[in-house]
Amino acid sequence: MSKRTFVYIWEYHVKEEFLSEFETLYGPDGDWVRLFKKANGYISTDFYQDISHTNRFITVDSWNTKEDRDNFRAKFSKEFELLDEYCERFTEEEKFIGDFNGYGK
């Protein structure tokens, strides 16, 4: 069996006038990824834009374990909250899809 990882998934509906800023902040070189990289156990973030509804995005954040993600949230809670508050203005809606075990490559 392949390696097991932990992922958590979010869906975002972005205000049209903030698409560029959102892509910069949430994309592969964005502020969120830079923050995640400070933590042990972070693997990667996959960033998807809906083809039919271009203001809809999905992020899939991969960690070695759920505990790694939880430790990150505890250790970097202040930075996380500040960035999250700043980013709220870009979205019409944010929806937590869930925590998942991943069985990837």
PDB file of N, CA and C in Angstrom:
ATOM      1  N   MET A   1       0.850  -1.191   0.000  1.00  0.00           N
ATOM      2  CA  MET A   1       0.000   0.000   0.000  1.00  0.00           C
ATOM      3  C   MET A   1       0.887   1.242   0.000  1.00  0.00           C
ATOM      4  N   SER A   2       0.381   2.280  -0.605  1.00  0.00           N
ATOM      5  CA  SER A   2       1.138   3.522  -0.688  1.00  0.00           C
ATOM      6  C   SER A   2       1.138   4.267   0.643  1.00  0.00           C
ATOM      7  N   LYS A   3       1.973   5.274   0.716  1.00  0.00           N
ATOM      8  CA  LYS A   3       2.139   6.059   1.936  1.00  0.00           C
ATOM      9  C   LYS A   3       0.851   6.794   2.304  1.00  0.00           C
ATOM     10  N   ARG A   4       0.525   6.767   3.568  1.00  0.00           N
ATOM     11  CA  ARG A   4      -0.668   7.437   4.069  1.00  0.00           C
ATOM     12  C   ARG A   4      -0.300   8.837   4.559  1.00  0.00           C
ATOM     13  N   THR A   5      -1.095   9.815   4.172  1.00  0.00           N
ATOM     14  CA  THR A   5      -0.908  11.189   4.609  1.00  0.00           C
ATOM     15  C   THR A   5      -2.228  11.723   5.147  1.00  0.00           C
ATOM     16  N   PHE A   6      -2.171  12.903   5.714  1.00  0.00           N
ATOM     17  CA  PHE A   6      -3.370  13.593   6.196  1.00  0.00           C
ATOM     18  C   PHE A   6      -3.581  14.816   5.319  1.00  0.00           C
ATOM     19  N   VAL A   7      -4.809  15.030   4.879  1.00  0.00           N
ATOM     20  CA  VAL A   7      -5.131  16.229   4.113  1.00  0.00           C
ATOM     21  C   VAL A   7      -6.379  16.884   4.688  1.00  0.00           C
ATOM     22  N   TYR A   8      -6.414  18.206   4.572  1.00  0.00           N
ATOM     23  CA  TYR A   8      -7.671  18.894   4.856  1.00  0.00           C
ATOM     24  C   TYR A   8      -7.996  19.815   3.710  1.00  0.00           C
ATOM     25  N   ILE A   9      -9.294  19.905   3.442  1.00  0.00           N
ATOM     26  CA  ILE A   9      -9.752  20.510   2.199  1.00  0.00           C
ATOM     27  C   ILE A   9     -10.727  21.648   2.490  1.00  0.00           C
ATOM     28  N   TRP A  10     -10.510  22.762   1.771  1.00  0.00           N
ATOM     29  CA  TRP A  10     -11.374  23.937   1.877  1.00  0.00           C
ATOM     30  C   TRP A  10     -11.872  24.333   0.495  1.00  0.00           C
ATOM     31  N   GLU A  11     -13.087  24.877   0.464  1.00  0.00           N
ATOM     32  CA  GLU A  11     -13.660  25.445  -0.750  1.00  0.00           C
ATOM     33  C   GLU A  11     -13.885  26.936  -0.517  1.00  0.00           C
ATOM     34  N   TYR A  12     -13.562  27.728  -1.531  1.00  0.00           N
ATOM     35  CA  TYR A  12     -13.694  29.182  -1.439  1.00  0.00           C
ATOM     36  C   TYR A  12     -14.459  29.719  -2.639  1.00  0.00           C
ATOM     37  N   HIS A  13     -15.352  30.665  -2.381  1.00  0.00           N
ATOM     38  CA  HIS A  13     -16.000  31.436  -3.435  1.00  0.00           C
ATOM     39  C   HIS A  13     -15.465  32.857  -3.292  1.00  0.00           C
ATOM     40  N   VAL A  14     -14.700  33.281  -4.287  1.00  0.00           N
ATOM     41  CA  VAL A  14     -13.927  34.511  -4.207  1.00  0.00           C
ATOM     42  C   VAL A  14     -14.674  35.654  -4.910  1.00  0.00           C
ATOM     43  N   LYS A  15     -14.630  36.818  -4.297  1.00  0.00           N
ATOM     44  CA  LYS A  15     -15.211  38.005  -4.917  1.00  0.00           C
ATOM     45  C   LYS A  15     -14.450  38.303  -6.196  1.00  0.00           C
ATOM     46  N   GLU A  16     -15.186  38.581  -7.243  1.00  0.00           N
ATOM     47  CA  GLU A  16     -14.603  38.775  -8.576  1.00  0.00           C
ATOM     48  C   GLU A  16     -13.451  39.775  -8.580  1.00  0.00           C
ATOM     49  N   GLU A  17     -13.607  40.858  -7.845  1.00  0.00           N
ATOM     50  CA  GLU A  17     -12.585  41.914  -7.860  1.00  0.00           C
ATOM     51  C   GLU A  17     -11.305  41.529  -7.114  1.00  0.00           C
ATOM     52  N   PHE A  18     -11.314  40.378  -6.421  1.00  0.00           N
ATOM     53  CA  PHE A  18     -10.148  39.958  -5.645  1.00  0.00           C
ATOM     54  C   PHE A  18      -9.520  38.656  -6.151  1.00  0.00           C
ATOM     55  N   LEU A  19      -9.879  38.224  -7.345  1.00  0.00           N
ATOM     56  CA  LEU A  19      -9.350  36.948  -7.850  1.00  0.00           C
ATOM     57  C   LEU A  19      -7.825  36.924  -7.880  1.00  0.00           C
ATOM     58  N   SER A  20      -7.221  37.962  -8.376  1.00  0.00           N
ATOM     59  CA  SER A  20      -5.763  38.002  -8.494  1.00  0.00           C
ATOM     60  C   SER A  20      -5.092  37.947  -7.121  1.00  0.00           C
ATOM     61  N   GLU A  21      -5.582  38.746  -6.183  1.00  0.00           N
ATOM     62  CA  GLU A  21      -5.010  38.757  -4.831  1.00  0.00           C
ATOM     63  C   GLU A  21      -5.173  37.403  -4.155  1.00  0.00           C
ATOM     64  N   PHE A  22      -6.349  36.800  -4.333  1.00  0.00           N
ATOM     65  CA  PHE A  22      -6.607  35.489  -3.738  1.00  0.00           C
ATOM     66  C   PHE A  22      -5.631  34.451  -4.279  1.00  0.00           C
ATOM     67  N   GLU A  23      -5.465  34.425  -5.602  1.00  0.00           N
ATOM     68  CA  GLU A  23      -4.549  33.468  -6.214  1.00  0.00           C
ATOM     69  C   GLU A  23      -3.121  33.658  -5.708  1.00  0.00           C
ATOM     70  N   THR A  24      -2.716  34.895  -5.494  1.00  0.00           N
ATOM     71  CA  THR A  24      -1.375  35.177  -4.988  1.00  0.00           C
ATOM     72  C   THR A  24      -1.215  34.673  -3.555  1.00  0.00           C
ATOM     73  N   LEU A  25      -2.194  34.908  -2.711  1.00  0.00           N
ATOM     74  CA  LEU A  25      -2.106  34.516  -1.302  1.00  0.00           C
ATOM     75  C   LEU A  25      -2.221  33.010  -1.086  1.00  0.00           C
ATOM     76  N   TYR A  26      -3.067  32.349  -1.868  1.00  0.00           N
ATOM     77  CA  TYR A  26      -3.356  30.932  -1.648  1.00  0.00           C
ATOM     78  C   TYR A  26      -2.590  30.011  -2.591  1.00  0.00           C
ATOM     79  N   GLY A  27      -1.956  30.562  -3.602  1.00  0.00           N
ATOM     80  CA  GLY A  27      -1.253  29.754  -4.593  1.00  0.00           C
ATOM     81  C   GLY A  27       0.022  29.118  -4.062  1.00  0.00           C
ATOM     82  N   PRO A  28       0.751  28.421  -4.929  1.00  0.00           N
ATOM     83  CA  PRO A  28       1.907  27.626  -4.509  1.00  0.00           C
ATOM     84  C   PRO A  28       3.059  28.412  -3.896  1.00  0.00           C
ATOM     85  N   ASP A  29       3.146  29.710  -4.147  1.00  0.00           N
ATOM     86  CA  ASP A  29       4.191  30.532  -3.541  1.00  0.00           C
ATOM     87  C   ASP A  29       3.598  31.597  -2.627  1.00  0.00           C
ATOM     88  N   GLY A  30       2.358  31.395  -2.226  1.00  0.00           N
ATOM     89  CA  GLY A  30       1.636  32.401  -1.466  1.00  0.00           C
ATOM     90  C   GLY A  30       1.928  32.415   0.021  1.00  0.00           C
ATOM     91  N   ASP A  31       1.297  33.355   0.678  1.00  0.00           N
ATOM     92  CA  ASP A  31       1.495  33.555   2.116  1.00  0.00           C
ATOM     93  C   ASP A  31       1.126  32.329   2.941  1.00  0.00           C
ATOM     94  N   TRP A  32       0.040  31.635   2.547  1.00  0.00           N
ATOM     95  CA  TRP A  32      -0.356  30.446   3.310  1.00  0.00           C
ATOM     96  C   TRP A  32       0.709  29.360   3.226  1.00  0.00           C
ATOM     97  N   VAL A  33       1.202  29.102   2.041  1.00  0.00           N
ATOM     98  CA  VAL A  33       2.225  28.063   1.880  1.00  0.00           C
ATOM     99  C   VAL A  33       3.489  28.445   2.644  1.00  0.00           C
ATOM    100  N   ARG A  34       3.877  29.710   2.595  1.00  0.00           N
ATOM    101  CA  ARG A  34       5.069  30.139   3.345  1.00  0.00           C
ATOM    102  C   ARG A  34       4.874  29.936   4.847  1.00  0.00           C
ATOM    103  N   LEU A  35       3.670  30.184   5.332  1.00  0.00           N
ATOM    104  CA  LEU A  35       3.402  29.948   6.752  1.00  0.00           C
ATOM    105  C   LEU A  35       3.442  28.454   7.064  1.00  0.00           C
ATOM    106  N   PHE A  36       2.788  27.644   6.252  1.00  0.00           N
ATOM    107  CA  PHE A  36       2.787  26.191   6.483  1.00  0.00           C
ATOM    108  C   PHE A  36       4.197  25.616   6.487  1.00  0.00           C
ATOM    109  N   LYS A  37       5.073  26.132   5.624  1.00  0.00           N
ATOM    110  CA  LYS A  37       6.430  25.602   5.507  1.00  0.00           C
ATOM    111  C   LYS A  37       7.266  25.818   6.764  1.00  0.00           C
ATOM    112  N   LYS A  38       6.823  26.674   7.660  1.00  0.00           N
ATOM    113  CA  LYS A  38       7.527  26.880   8.925  1.00  0.00           C
ATOM    114  C   LYS A  38       7.345  25.706   9.877  1.00  0.00           C
ATOM    115  N   ALA A  39       6.379  24.846   9.587  1.00  0.00           N
ATOM    116  CA  ALA A  39       6.016  23.767  10.511  1.00  0.00           C
ATOM    117  C   ALA A  39       6.586  22.425  10.084  1.00  0.00           C
ATOM    118  N   ASN A  40       6.845  21.597  11.071  1.00  0.00           N
ATOM    119  CA  ASN A  40       7.242  20.220  10.805  1.00  0.00           C
ATOM    120  C   ASN A  40       6.037  19.441  10.281  1.00  0.00           C
ATOM    121  N   GLY A  41       6.281  18.592   9.310  1.00  0.00           N
ATOM    122  CA  GLY A  41       5.241  17.702   8.826  1.00  0.00           C
ATOM    123  C   GLY A  41       4.424  18.211   7.652  1.00  0.00           C
ATOM    124  N   TYR A  42       4.626  19.471   7.268  1.00  0.00           N
ATOM    125  CA  TYR A  42       3.905  19.997   6.105  1.00  0.00           C
ATOM    126  C   TYR A  42       4.499  19.385   4.841  1.00  0.00           C
ATOM    127  N   ILE A  43       3.632  18.970   3.927  1.00  0.00           N
ATOM    128  CA  ILE A  43       4.086  18.370   2.673  1.00  0.00           C
ATOM    129  C   ILE A  43       3.868  19.326   1.503  1.00  0.00           C
ATOM    130  N   SER A  44       2.614  19.717   1.275  1.00  0.00           N
ATOM    131  CA  SER A  44       2.316  20.550   0.108  1.00  0.00           C
ATOM    132  C   SER A  44       0.883  21.058   0.167  1.00  0.00           C
ATOM    133  N   THR A  45       0.605  22.004  -0.730  1.00  0.00           N
ATOM    134  CA  THR A  45      -0.754  22.488  -0.933  1.00  0.00           C
ATOM    135  C   THR A  45      -1.079  22.397  -2.414  1.00  0.00           C
ATOM    136  N   ASP A  46      -2.187  21.744  -2.725  1.00  0.00           N
ATOM    137  CA  ASP A  46      -2.701  21.715  -4.091  1.00  0.00           C
ATOM    138  C   ASP A  46      -3.794  22.769  -4.174  1.00  0.00           C
ATOM    139  N   PHE A  47      -3.783  23.523  -5.249  1.00  0.00           N
ATOM    140  CA  PHE A  47      -4.648  24.689  -5.413  1.00  0.00           C
ATOM    141  C   PHE A  47      -5.387  24.547  -6.738  1.00  0.00           C
ATOM    142  N   TYR A  48      -6.720  24.482  -6.675  1.00  0.00           N
ATOM    143  CA  TYR A  48      -7.525  24.222  -7.863  1.00  0.00           C
ATOM    144  C   TYR A  48      -8.543  25.331  -8.083  1.00  0.00           C
ATOM    145  N   GLN A  49      -8.722  25.700  -9.364  1.00  0.00           N
ATOM    146  CA  GLN A  49      -9.737  26.669  -9.756  1.00  0.00           C
ATOM    147  C   GLN A  49     -10.759  25.961 -10.635  1.00  0.00           C
ATOM    148  N   ASP A  50     -12.030  26.140 -10.327  1.00  0.00           N
ATOM    149  CA  ASP A  50     -13.121  25.547 -11.084  1.00  0.00           C
ATOM    150  C   ASP A  50     -13.139  26.118 -12.502  1.00  0.00           C
ATOM    151  N   ILE A  51     -13.230  25.263 -13.494  1.00  0.00           N
ATOM    152  CA  ILE A  51     -13.244  25.681 -14.889  1.00  0.00           C
ATOM    153  C   ILE A  51     -14.543  26.401 -15.244  1.00  0.00           C
ATOM    154  N   SER A  52     -15.649  25.911 -14.732  1.00  0.00           N
ATOM    155  CA  SER A  52     -16.955  26.482 -15.068  1.00  0.00           C
ATOM    156  C   SER A  52     -17.310  27.708 -14.244  1.00  0.00           C
ATOM    157  N   HIS A  53     -16.835  27.741 -13.014  1.00  0.00           N
ATOM    158  CA  HIS A  53     -17.114  28.851 -12.094  1.00  0.00           C
ATOM    159  C   HIS A  53     -15.767  29.364 -11.585  1.00  0.00           C
ATOM    160  N   THR A  54     -15.183  30.304 -12.312  1.00  0.00           N
ATOM    161  CA  THR A  54     -13.793  30.689 -12.072  1.00  0.00           C
ATOM    162  C   THR A  54     -13.549  31.424 -10.758  1.00  0.00           C
ATOM    163  N   ASN A  55     -14.597  31.744 -10.024  1.00  0.00           N
ATOM    164  CA  ASN A  55     -14.395  32.347  -8.701  1.00  0.00           C
ATOM    165  C   ASN A  55     -14.446  31.286  -7.595  1.00  0.00           C
ATOM    166  N   ARG A  56     -14.513  30.017  -7.970  1.00  0.00           N
ATOM    167  CA  ARG A  56     -14.549  28.912  -7.003  1.00  0.00           C
ATOM    168  C   ARG A  56     -13.196  28.194  -7.007  1.00  0.00           C
ATOM    169  N   PHE A  57     -12.651  28.012  -5.801  1.00  0.00           N
ATOM    170  CA  PHE A  57     -11.345  27.372  -5.633  1.00  0.00           C
ATOM    171  C   PHE A  57     -11.424  26.294  -4.557  1.00  0.00           C
ATOM    172  N   ILE A  58     -10.521  25.328  -4.667  1.00  0.00           N
ATOM    173  CA  ILE A  58     -10.359  24.278  -3.658  1.00  0.00           C
ATOM    174  C   ILE A  58      -8.877  24.248  -3.272  1.00  0.00           C
ATOM    175  N   THR A  59      -8.618  24.163  -1.964  1.00  0.00           N
ATOM    176  CA  THR A  59      -7.245  23.912  -1.513  1.00  0.00           C
ATOM    177  C   THR A  59      -7.208  22.566  -0.796  1.00  0.00           C
ATOM    178  N   VAL A  60      -6.134  21.840  -1.041  1.00  0.00           N
ATOM    179  CA  VAL A  60      -5.889  20.555  -0.384  1.00  0.00           C
ATOM    180  C   VAL A  60      -4.512  20.649   0.255  1.00  0.00           C
ATOM    181  N   ASP A  61      -4.503  20.762   1.582  1.00  0.00           N
ATOM    182  CA  ASP A  61      -3.247  20.896   2.323  1.00  0.00           C
ATOM    183  C   ASP A  61      -2.847  19.529   2.863  1.00  0.00           C
ATOM    184  N   SER A  62      -1.646  19.090   2.507  1.00  0.00           N
ATOM    185  CA  SER A  62      -1.163  17.756   2.886  1.00  0.00           C
ATOM    186  C   SER A  62      -0.115  17.846   3.985  1.00  0.00           C
ATOM    187  N   TRP A  63      -0.279  16.998   4.971  1.00  0.00           N
ATOM    188  CA  TRP A  63       0.625  16.903   6.109  1.00  0.00           C
ATOM    189  C   TRP A  63       0.963  15.436   6.342  1.00  0.00           C
ATOM    190  N   ASN A  64       2.067  15.187   7.015  1.00  0.00           N
ATOM    191  CA  ASN A  64       2.411  13.799   7.342  1.00  0.00           C
ATOM    192  C   ASN A  64       1.335  13.168   8.213  1.00  0.00           C
ATOM    193  N   THR A  65       0.853  13.927   9.201  1.00  0.00           N
ATOM    194  CA  THR A  65      -0.173  13.419  10.115  1.00  0.00           C
ATOM    195  C   THR A  65      -1.100  14.555  10.533  1.00  0.00           C
ATOM    196  N   LYS A  66      -2.243  14.186  11.060  1.00  0.00           N
ATOM    197  CA  LYS A  66      -3.162  15.179  11.615  1.00  0.00           C
ATOM    198  C   LYS A  66      -2.503  15.899  12.794  1.00  0.00           C
ATOM    199  N   GLU A  67      -1.724  15.175  13.564  1.00  0.00           N
ATOM    200  CA  GLU A  67      -1.030  15.763  14.699  1.00  0.00           C
ATOM    201  C   GLU A  67      -0.060  16.859  14.250  1.00  0.00           C
ATOM    202  N   ASP A  68       0.608  16.647  13.112  1.00  0.00           N
ATOM    203  CA  ASP A  68       1.490  17.692  12.577  1.00  0.00           C
ATOM    204  C   ASP A  68       0.696  18.961  12.272  1.00  0.00           C
ATOM    205  N   ARG A  69      -0.458  18.809  11.640  1.00  0.00           N
ATOM    206  CA  ARG A  69      -1.293  19.969  11.341  1.00  0.00           C
ATOM    207  C   ARG A  69      -1.771  20.638  12.622  1.00  0.00           C
ATOM    208  N   ASP A  70      -2.211  19.833  13.586  1.00  0.00           N
ATOM    209  CA  ASP A  70      -2.697  20.380  14.858  1.00  0.00           C
ATOM    210  C   ASP A  70      -1.582  21.097  15.617  1.00  0.00           C
ATOM    211  N   ASN A  71      -0.378  20.543  15.602  1.00  0.00           N
ATOM    212  CA  ASN A  71       0.766  21.197  16.250  1.00  0.00           C
ATOM    213  C   ASN A  71       1.087  22.526  15.570  1.00  0.00           C
ATOM    214  N   PHE A  72       1.003  22.539  14.244  1.00  0.00           N
ATOM    215  CA  PHE A  72       1.189  23.788  13.509  1.00  0.00           C
ATOM    216  C   PHE A  72       0.172  24.829  13.954  1.00  0.00           C
ATOM    217  N   ARG A  73      -1.095  24.430  14.021  1.00  0.00           N
ATOM    218  CA  ARG A  73      -2.156  25.375  14.400  1.00  0.00           C
ATOM    219  C   ARG A  73      -1.918  25.914  15.807  1.00  0.00           C
ATOM    220  N   ALA A  74      -1.405  25.098  16.698  1.00  0.00           N
ATOM    221  CA  ALA A  74      -1.125  25.552  18.066  1.00  0.00           C
ATOM    222  C   ALA A  74       0.086  26.480  18.102  1.00  0.00           C
ATOM    223  N   LYS A  75       1.157  26.075  17.435  1.00  0.00           N
ATOM    224  CA  LYS A  75       2.405  26.838  17.490  1.00  0.00           C
ATOM    225  C   LYS A  75       2.314  28.169  16.748  1.00  0.00           C
ATOM    226  N   PHE A  76       1.587  28.197  15.643  1.00  0.00           N
ATOM    227  CA  PHE A  76       1.500  29.391  14.810  1.00  0.00           C
ATOM    228  C   PHE A  76       0.099  29.997  14.829  1.00  0.00           C
ATOM    229  N   SER A  77      -0.596  29.843  15.938  1.00  0.00           N
ATOM    230  CA  SER A  77      -1.990  30.286  16.012  1.00  0.00           C
ATOM    231  C   SER A  77      -2.149  31.782  15.762  1.00  0.00           C
ATOM    232  N   LYS A  78      -1.253  32.573  16.302  1.00  0.00           N
ATOM    233  CA  LYS A  78      -1.347  34.032  16.130  1.00  0.00           C
ATOM    234  C   LYS A  78      -1.180  34.416  14.656  1.00  0.00           C
ATOM    235  N   GLU A  79      -0.125  33.895  14.006  1.00  0.00           N
ATOM    236  CA  GLU A  79       0.112  34.189  12.596  1.00  0.00           C
ATOM    237  C   GLU A  79      -1.040  33.683  11.725  1.00  0.00           C
ATOM    238  N   PHE A  80      -1.542  32.500  12.058  1.00  0.00           N
ATOM    239  CA  PHE A  80      -2.646  31.905  11.317  1.00  0.00           C
ATOM    240  C   PHE A  80      -3.886  32.792  11.389  1.00  0.00           C
ATOM    241  N   GLU A  81      -4.238  33.210  12.587  1.00  0.00           N
ATOM    242  CA  GLU A  81      -5.433  34.034  12.775  1.00  0.00           C
ATOM    243  C   GLU A  81      -5.309  35.387  12.072  1.00  0.00           C
ATOM    244  N   LEU A  82      -4.144  36.007  12.146  1.00  0.00           N
ATOM    245  CA  LEU A  82      -3.945  37.291  11.470  1.00  0.00           C
ATOM    246  C   LEU A  82      -4.088  37.160   9.951  1.00  0.00           C
ATOM    247  N   LEU A  83      -3.492  36.124   9.387  1.00  0.00           N
ATOM    248  CA  LEU A  83      -3.592  35.915   7.951  1.00  0.00           C
ATOM    249  C   LEU A  83      -5.023  35.552   7.550  1.00  0.00           C
ATOM    250  N   ASP A  84      -5.663  34.731   8.345  1.00  0.00           N
ATOM    251  CA  ASP A  84      -7.039  34.340   8.064  1.00  0.00           C
ATOM    252  C   ASP A  84      -7.973  35.555   8.083  1.00  0.00           C
ATOM    253  N   GLU A  85      -7.809  36.408   9.070  1.00  0.00           N
ATOM    254  CA  GLU A  85      -8.632  37.627   9.157  1.00  0.00           C
ATOM    255  C   GLU A  85      -8.395  38.528   7.942  1.00  0.00           C
ATOM    256  N   TYR A  86      -7.151  38.684   7.548  1.00  0.00           N
ATOM    257  CA  TYR A  86      -6.819  39.507   6.392  1.00  0.00           C
ATOM    258  C   TYR A  86      -7.478  38.948   5.121  1.00  0.00           C
ATOM    259  N   CYS A  87      -7.486  37.646   4.971  1.00  0.00           N
ATOM    260  CA  CYS A  87      -7.979  37.011   3.749  1.00  0.00           C
ATOM    261  C   CYS A  87      -9.504  36.947   3.662  1.00  0.00           C
ATOM    262  N   GLU A  88     -10.191  37.115   4.768  1.00  0.00           N
ATOM    263  CA  GLU A  88     -11.653  37.020   4.761  1.00  0.00           C
ATOM    264  C   GLU A  88     -12.302  38.005   3.805  1.00  0.00           C
ATOM    265  N   ARG A  89     -11.707  39.140   3.601  1.00  0.00           N
ATOM    266  CA  ARG A  89     -12.306  40.159   2.735  1.00  0.00           C
ATOM    267  C   ARG A  89     -12.324  39.742   1.268  1.00  0.00           C
ATOM    268  N   PHE A  90     -11.530  38.751   0.885  1.00  0.00           N
ATOM    269  CA  PHE A  90     -11.454  38.314  -0.503  1.00  0.00           C
ATOM    270  C   PHE A  90     -12.560  37.339  -0.896  1.00  0.00           C
ATOM    271  N   THR A  91     -13.220  36.743   0.092  1.00  0.00           N
ATOM    272  CA  THR A  91     -14.163  35.670  -0.204  1.00  0.00           C
ATOM    273  C   THR A  91     -15.608  36.040   0.117  1.00  0.00           C
ATOM    274  N   GLU A  92     -16.498  35.463  -0.680  1.00  0.00           N
ATOM    275  CA  GLU A  92     -17.930  35.541  -0.394  1.00  0.00           C
ATOM    276  C   GLU A  92     -18.322  34.432   0.563  1.00  0.00           C
ATOM    277  N   GLU A  93     -17.617  33.302   0.425  1.00  0.00           N
ATOM    278  CA  GLU A  93     -17.924  32.129   1.247  1.00  0.00           C
ATOM    279  C   GLU A  93     -16.687  31.250   1.361  1.00  0.00           C
ATOM    280  N   GLU A  94     -16.486  30.691   2.554  1.00  0.00           N
ATOM    281  CA  GLU A  94     -15.455  29.680   2.785  1.00  0.00           C
ATOM    282  C   GLU A  94     -16.153  28.480   3.402  1.00  0.00           C
ATOM    283  N   LYS A  95     -15.831  27.297   2.897  1.00  0.00           N
ATOM    284  CA  LYS A  95     -16.476  26.091   3.415  1.00  0.00           C
ATOM    285  C   LYS A  95     -15.423  25.026   3.691  1.00  0.00           C
ATOM    286  N   PHE A  96     -15.387  24.557   4.924  1.00  0.00           N
ATOM    287  CA  PHE A  96     -14.490  23.478   5.292  1.00  0.00           C
ATOM    288  C   PHE A  96     -15.109  22.175   4.773  1.00  0.00           C
ATOM    289  N   ILE A  97     -14.400  21.505   3.879  1.00  0.00           N
ATOM    290  CA  ILE A  97     -14.894  20.239   3.316  1.00  0.00           C
ATOM    291  C   ILE A  97     -14.629  19.088   4.280  1.00  0.00           C
ATOM    292  N   GLY A  98     -13.420  19.062   4.874  1.00  0.00           N
ATOM    293  CA  GLY A  98     -13.154  18.026   5.862  1.00  0.00           C
ATOM    294  C   GLY A  98     -11.700  17.614   5.957  1.00  0.00           C
ATOM    295  N   ASP A  99     -11.463  16.761   6.952  1.00  0.00           N
ATOM    296  CA  ASP A  99     -10.156  16.139   7.185  1.00  0.00           C
ATOM    297  C   ASP A  99     -10.206  14.731   6.580  1.00  0.00           C
ATOM    298  N   PHE A 100      -9.153  14.365   5.864  1.00  0.00           N
ATOM    299  CA  PHE A 100      -9.136  13.085   5.176  1.00  0.00           C
ATOM    300  C   PHE A 100      -7.780  12.402   5.344  1.00  0.00           C
ATOM    301  N   ASN A 101      -7.801  11.066   5.314  1.00  0.00           N
ATOM    302  CA  ASN A 101      -6.577  10.309   5.154  1.00  0.00           C
ATOM    303  C   ASN A 101      -6.350  10.151   3.657  1.00  0.00           C
ATOM    304  N   GLY A 102      -5.132  10.417   3.237  1.00  0.00           N
ATOM    305  CA  GLY A 102      -4.794  10.282   1.819  1.00  0.00           C
ATOM    306  C   GLY A 102      -3.885   9.095   1.610  1.00  0.00           C
ATOM    307  N   TYR A 103      -4.082   8.416   0.501  1.00  0.00           N
ATOM    308  CA  TYR A 103      -3.251   7.285   0.135  1.00  0.00           C
ATOM    309  C   TYR A 103      -2.685   7.556  -1.244  1.00  0.00           C
ATOM    310  N   GLY A 104      -1.567   8.285  -1.253  1.00  0.00           N
ATOM    311  CA  GLY A 104      -0.991   8.730  -2.522  1.00  0.00           C
ATOM    312  C   GLY A 104       0.281   8.029  -2.861  1.00  0.00           C
ATOM    313  N   LYS A 105       1.032   8.690  -3.694  1.00  0.00           N
ATOM    314  CA  LYS A 105       2.290   8.150  -4.233  1.00  0.00           C
ATOM    315  C   LYS A 105       3.323   7.996  -3.152  1.00  0.00           C
TER     316      LYS A 105
END
